[in-house]
Amino acid sequence: MGGPAREDLRGARRCRPKKLIELCRLLVEQGDELEAELAHRYPRDADQLSEFWAGRMSWRRLWVLVKGCWSTETELLAQNRDLLAYTAWLYACVHRGDGPTPPRPEPIPRPFDN
């Protein structure tokens, strides 16, 4: 009855609450993508998401691996997307006529903003 949820609470306690919450969010919302990214970036079997679910990887180790997936290139792509969305929003605001103000776009969440 070990598994990562019970057995590795020591590792979870070392993570800051924001990190743990963000990691849980990523696992729930983007688990398949996260599994694929870990398989692509880290070819060792010990660094795969299945090892975490089997209780053989700590929360901290998973956090470190996931954090390593967010590269400078990924950040620049996210910034470009945010800027494009903001520019489109400004254009829509200026050309809306008498209609309601369109909702402001949300930036792409950065997994490691603390």
C-alpha atoms as a PDB file:
ATOM      1  CA  MET A   1       0.000   0.000   0.000  1.00  0.00           C
ATOM      2  CA  GLY A   2       3.014   2.272  -0.454  1.00  0.00           C
ATOM      3  CA  GLY A   3       2.862   4.171  -3.700  1.00  0.00           C
ATOM      4  CA  PRO A   4       3.947   7.770  -4.161  1.00  0.00           C
ATOM      5  CA  ALA A   5       1.022   9.281  -2.281  1.00  0.00           C
ATOM      6  CA  ARG A   6       1.776   7.592   1.047  1.00  0.00           C
ATOM      7  CA  GLU A   7       5.341   6.348   0.939  1.00  0.00           C
ATOM      8  CA  ASP A   8       6.952   9.547  -0.225  1.00  0.00           C
ATOM      9  CA  LEU A   9       5.359  12.187   1.939  1.00  0.00           C
ATOM     10  CA  ARG A  10       8.809  12.989   3.263  1.00  0.00           C
ATOM     11  CA  GLY A  11       9.795  14.136  -0.229  1.00  0.00           C
ATOM     12  CA  ALA A  12       6.525  16.001  -0.643  1.00  0.00           C
ATOM     13  CA  ARG A  13       7.141  17.905   2.582  1.00  0.00           C
ATOM     14  CA  ARG A  14      10.474  19.121   1.255  1.00  0.00           C
ATOM     15  CA  CYS A  15       8.718  20.638  -1.762  1.00  0.00           C
ATOM     16  CA  ARG A  16       7.152  24.007  -1.222  1.00  0.00           C
ATOM     17  CA  PRO A  17       3.324  23.848  -1.257  1.00  0.00           C
ATOM     18  CA  LYS A  18       3.125  25.819  -4.519  1.00  0.00           C
ATOM     19  CA  LYS A  19       5.456  23.350  -6.183  1.00  0.00           C
ATOM     20  CA  LEU A  20       3.467  20.379  -4.953  1.00  0.00           C
ATOM     21  CA  ILE A  21       0.184  21.922  -6.085  1.00  0.00           C
ATOM     22  CA  GLU A  22       1.630  22.766  -9.495  1.00  0.00           C
ATOM     23  CA  LEU A  23       3.051  19.275  -9.868  1.00  0.00           C
ATOM     24  CA  CYS A  24      -0.328  17.740  -8.989  1.00  0.00           C
ATOM     25  CA  ARG A  25      -2.033  20.062 -11.485  1.00  0.00           C
ATOM     26  CA  LEU A  26       0.383  19.006 -14.205  1.00  0.00           C
ATOM     27  CA  LEU A  27      -0.148  15.329 -13.411  1.00  0.00           C
ATOM     28  CA  VAL A  28      -3.936  15.677 -13.568  1.00  0.00           C
ATOM     29  CA  GLU A  29      -4.299  18.075 -16.492  1.00  0.00           C
ATOM     30  CA  GLN A  30      -1.348  17.080 -18.664  1.00  0.00           C
ATOM     31  CA  GLY A  31      -0.320  13.629 -17.493  1.00  0.00           C
ATOM     32  CA  ASP A  32      -0.041  12.108 -20.959  1.00  0.00           C
ATOM     33  CA  GLU A  33       1.982  15.028 -22.304  1.00  0.00           C
ATOM     34  CA  LEU A  34       4.193  14.964 -19.224  1.00  0.00           C
ATOM     35  CA  GLU A  35       4.793  11.232 -19.626  1.00  0.00           C
ATOM     36  CA  ALA A  36       5.759  11.741 -23.286  1.00  0.00           C
ATOM     37  CA  GLU A  37       8.065  14.646 -22.458  1.00  0.00           C
ATOM     38  CA  LEU A  38       9.846  12.695 -19.713  1.00  0.00           C
ATOM     39  CA  ALA A  39      10.283   9.735 -22.076  1.00  0.00           C
ATOM     40  CA  HIS A  40      11.704  12.045 -24.739  1.00  0.00           C
ATOM     41  CA  ARG A  41      14.094  13.985 -22.503  1.00  0.00           C
ATOM     42  CA  TYR A  42      15.132  11.267 -20.058  1.00  0.00           C
ATOM     43  CA  PRO A  43      15.637   7.848 -21.671  1.00  0.00           C
ATOM     44  CA  ARG A  44      16.498   6.025 -18.409  1.00  0.00           C
ATOM     45  CA  ASP A  45      13.698   3.759 -17.174  1.00  0.00           C
ATOM     46  CA  ALA A  46      14.223   5.112 -13.645  1.00  0.00           C
ATOM     47  CA  ASP A  47      13.238   8.615 -14.836  1.00  0.00           C
ATOM     48  CA  GLN A  48       9.835   7.680 -16.246  1.00  0.00           C
ATOM     49  CA  LEU A  49       6.461   8.653 -14.845  1.00  0.00           C
ATOM     50  CA  SER A  50       5.566   4.999 -14.341  1.00  0.00           C
ATOM     51  CA  GLU A  51       8.351   4.856 -11.720  1.00  0.00           C
ATOM     52  CA  PHE A  52       6.664   7.658  -9.805  1.00  0.00           C
ATOM     53  CA  TRP A  53       3.285   5.918  -9.859  1.00  0.00           C
ATOM     54  CA  ALA A  54       4.944   2.691  -8.737  1.00  0.00           C
ATOM     55  CA  GLY A  55       6.415   4.515  -5.724  1.00  0.00           C
ATOM     56  CA  ARG A  56      10.032   4.202  -6.856  1.00  0.00           C
ATOM     57  CA  MET A  57      10.521   7.925  -7.545  1.00  0.00           C
ATOM     58  CA  SER A  58      10.157  10.712  -4.987  1.00  0.00           C
ATOM     59  CA  TRP A  59       7.997  13.779  -5.414  1.00  0.00           C
ATOM     60  CA  ARG A  60      11.164  15.862  -5.361  1.00  0.00           C
ATOM     61  CA  ARG A  61      12.824  13.810  -8.107  1.00  0.00           C
ATOM     62  CA  LEU A  62       9.730  14.113 -10.284  1.00  0.00           C
ATOM     63  CA  TRP A  63       9.677  17.876  -9.644  1.00  0.00           C
ATOM     64  CA  VAL A  64      13.324  18.198 -10.696  1.00  0.00           C
ATOM     65  CA  LEU A  65      12.740  16.211 -13.893  1.00  0.00           C
ATOM     66  CA  VAL A  66       9.616  18.156 -14.788  1.00  0.00           C
ATOM     67  CA  LYS A  67      11.347  21.458 -14.093  1.00  0.00           C
ATOM     68  CA  GLY A  68      14.092  20.415 -16.484  1.00  0.00           C
ATOM     69  CA  CYS A  69      11.532  20.074 -19.268  1.00  0.00           C
ATOM     70  CA  TRP A  70      10.742  23.809 -19.217  1.00  0.00           C
ATOM     71  CA  SER A  71      13.548  25.125 -21.404  1.00  0.00           C
ATOM     72  CA  THR A  72      14.453  28.617 -22.575  1.00  0.00           C
ATOM     73  CA  GLU A  73      12.933  27.724 -25.933  1.00  0.00           C
ATOM     74  CA  THR A  74       9.658  26.720 -24.269  1.00  0.00           C
ATOM     75  CA  GLU A  75       9.606  29.959 -22.282  1.00  0.00           C
ATOM     76  CA  LEU A  76      10.213  32.035 -25.411  1.00  0.00           C
ATOM     77  CA  LEU A  77       7.397  30.229 -27.216  1.00  0.00           C
ATOM     78  CA  ALA A  78       5.068  30.900 -24.278  1.00  0.00           C
ATOM     79  CA  GLN A  79       6.066  34.578 -24.249  1.00  0.00           C
ATOM     80  CA  ASN A  80       5.447  34.858 -28.000  1.00  0.00           C
ATOM     81  CA  ARG A  81       2.024  33.258 -27.642  1.00  0.00           C
ATOM     82  CA  ASP A  82       1.138  35.581 -24.762  1.00  0.00           C
ATOM     83  CA  LEU A  83       2.246  38.636 -26.739  1.00  0.00           C
ATOM     84  CA  LEU A  84       0.270  37.549 -29.792  1.00  0.00           C
ATOM     85  CA  ALA A  85      -2.853  36.940 -27.695  1.00  0.00           C
ATOM     86  CA  TYR A  86      -2.461  40.329 -26.000  1.00  0.00           C
ATOM     87  CA  THR A  87      -1.985  42.069 -29.358  1.00  0.00           C
ATOM     88  CA  ALA A  88      -5.115  40.400 -30.744  1.00  0.00           C
ATOM     89  CA  TRP A  89      -7.001  41.448 -27.604  1.00  0.00           C
ATOM     90  CA  LEU A  90      -5.879  45.072 -27.997  1.00  0.00           C
ATOM     91  CA  TYR A  91      -6.967  45.023 -31.645  1.00  0.00           C
ATOM     92  CA  ALA A  92     -10.363  43.607 -30.677  1.00  0.00           C
ATOM     93  CA  CYS A  93     -10.762  46.270 -27.959  1.00  0.00           C
ATOM     94  CA  VAL A  94      -9.985  49.105 -30.362  1.00  0.00           C
ATOM     95  CA  HIS A  95     -12.322  47.761 -33.073  1.00  0.00           C
ATOM     96  CA  ARG A  96     -15.200  46.567 -30.907  1.00  0.00           C
ATOM     97  CA  GLY A  97     -17.493  49.482 -31.680  1.00  0.00           C
ATOM     98  CA  ASP A  98     -20.351  49.616 -29.178  1.00  0.00           C
ATOM     99  CA  GLY A  99     -19.968  45.984 -28.155  1.00  0.00           C
ATOM    100  CA  PRO A 100     -18.690  44.762 -24.819  1.00  0.00           C
ATOM    101  CA  THR A 101     -15.018  44.716 -24.029  1.00  0.00           C
ATOM    102  CA  PRO A 102     -13.603  41.306 -24.905  1.00  0.00           C
ATOM    103  CA  PRO A 103     -12.111  39.314 -22.045  1.00  0.00           C
ATOM    104  CA  ARG A 104      -8.416  39.869 -21.487  1.00  0.00           C
ATOM    105  CA  PRO A 105      -6.391  36.799 -22.503  1.00  0.00           C
ATOM    106  CA  GLU A 106      -4.825  34.703 -19.787  1.00  0.00           C
ATOM    107  CA  PRO A 107      -1.088  34.073 -20.170  1.00  0.00           C
ATOM    108  CA  ILE A 108       0.097  30.522 -20.559  1.00  0.00           C
ATOM    109  CA  PRO A 109       0.734  29.226 -17.058  1.00  0.00           C
ATOM    110  CA  ARG A 110       4.400  28.883 -16.288  1.00  0.00           C
ATOM    111  CA  PRO A 111       4.854  25.728 -14.263  1.00  0.00           C
ATOM    112  CA  PHE A 112       7.509  27.202 -12.047  1.00  0.00           C
ATOM    113  CA  ASP A 113       6.403  30.741 -11.263  1.00  0.00           C
ATOM    114  CA  ASN A 114       6.751  31.062  -7.505  1.00  0.00           C
END
